[in-house]
Amino acid sequence: MGLGTLLFGWPLLPIYSVVKLGELLRDEVERELRDPAVVRRRLEEVEQARAAGRISEEEEARAVEEILQGMTGW
C-alpha cells in the first residue's frame, strides 16, 4: 500500500464498505430464495393457510407460483 493509495483510498473506504454490504445482502437474499429448506417451509406455510381457510385456491396458486419463480429466478 503506497502513500498515494493511502491518501486517496482512505476517503473512499465508506463507499467500499457500503458496496461490500450490498453484495453481502444480495448473496444472503439469493441464498434464502434458493435454499430448498426455506422454499419447502414457505410452501408448507401456504398449504397450511389454504387448509385453514385463510386464503383462497387462487391465492394459494399465486403464492406457490411466486415462491417457485423466486427459486428459479424467472
Protein backbone atom coordinates (compact mmCIF):
# COMPACT_ATOMS: atom_id res chain seq x y z
CA MET A 1 0.00 0.00 0.00
CA GLY A 2 1.68 3.15 -1.20
CA LEU A 3 1.33 6.65 0.13
CA GLY A 4 -0.89 7.65 -2.81
CA THR A 5 -3.20 4.72 -2.24
CA LEU A 6 -3.37 5.55 1.43
CA LEU A 7 -4.10 9.24 0.83
CA PHE A 8 -6.65 8.78 -1.95
CA GLY A 9 -8.10 5.46 -0.83
CA TRP A 10 -8.90 6.45 2.74
CA PRO A 11 -11.79 8.79 1.83
CA LEU A 12 -13.32 6.07 -0.35
CA LEU A 13 -13.44 3.41 2.38
CA PRO A 14 -17.06 4.22 3.37
CA ILE A 15 -18.11 3.72 -0.26
CA TYR A 16 -16.27 0.40 -0.47
CA SER A 17 -17.91 -0.66 2.79
CA VAL A 18 -21.41 0.15 1.53
CA VAL A 19 -20.75 -1.72 -1.71
CA LYS A 20 -19.47 -4.75 0.21
CA LEU A 21 -22.51 -4.65 2.50
CA GLY A 22 -24.79 -4.54 -0.54
CA GLU A 23 -23.03 -7.56 -2.02
CA LEU A 24 -23.39 -9.48 1.24
CA LEU A 25 -27.11 -8.66 1.42
CA ARG A 26 -27.62 -9.70 -2.21
CA ASP A 27 -25.84 -13.01 -1.60
CA GLU A 28 -27.92 -13.72 1.51
CA VAL A 29 -31.19 -12.96 -0.30
CA GLU A 30 -30.21 -15.21 -3.21
CA ARG A 31 -29.23 -17.99 -0.81
CA GLU A 32 -32.52 -17.73 1.04
CA LEU A 33 -34.59 -17.67 -2.16
CA ARG A 34 -32.89 -20.79 -3.49
CA ASP A 35 -32.40 -22.78 -0.27
CA PRO A 36 -34.60 -25.89 -0.60
CA ALA A 37 -35.40 -25.96 3.13
CA VAL A 38 -36.62 -22.35 3.08
CA VAL A 39 -38.65 -22.94 -0.09
CA ARG A 40 -40.22 -26.08 1.39
CA ARG A 41 -41.13 -24.21 4.59
CA ARG A 42 -42.75 -21.39 2.63
CA LEU A 43 -44.72 -23.88 0.51
CA GLU A 44 -45.88 -25.66 3.67
CA GLU A 45 -46.99 -22.34 5.17
CA VAL A 46 -49.07 -21.63 2.06
CA GLU A 47 -50.56 -25.13 2.19
CA GLN A 48 -51.45 -24.71 5.88
CA ALA A 49 -53.04 -21.32 5.20
CA ARG A 50 -55.17 -22.88 2.47
CA ALA A 51 -56.17 -25.80 4.71
CA ALA A 52 -57.16 -23.36 7.47
CA GLY A 53 -59.22 -21.33 5.01
CA ARG A 54 -57.17 -18.15 5.40
CA ILE A 55 -56.51 -17.95 1.65
CA SER A 56 -58.46 -19.00 -1.43
CA GLU A 57 -57.42 -21.57 -4.00
CA GLU A 58 -56.44 -18.79 -6.42
CA GLU A 59 -54.33 -17.09 -3.76
CA GLU A 60 -52.65 -20.40 -2.99
CA ALA A 61 -51.83 -20.97 -6.67
CA ARG A 62 -50.47 -17.44 -6.99
CA ALA A 63 -48.34 -17.79 -3.83
CA VAL A 64 -46.92 -21.14 -4.96
CA GLU A 65 -46.11 -19.67 -8.36
CA GLU A 66 -44.32 -16.70 -6.76
CA ILE A 67 -42.29 -18.97 -4.48
CA LEU A 68 -41.25 -21.20 -7.36
CA GLN A 69 -40.43 -18.23 -9.59
CA GLY A 70 -38.24 -16.81 -6.83
CA MET A 71 -36.42 -20.11 -6.59
CA THR A 72 -35.74 -20.34 -10.32
CA GLY A 73 -35.10 -16.63 -10.82
CA TRP A 74 -37.72 -16.20 -13.53
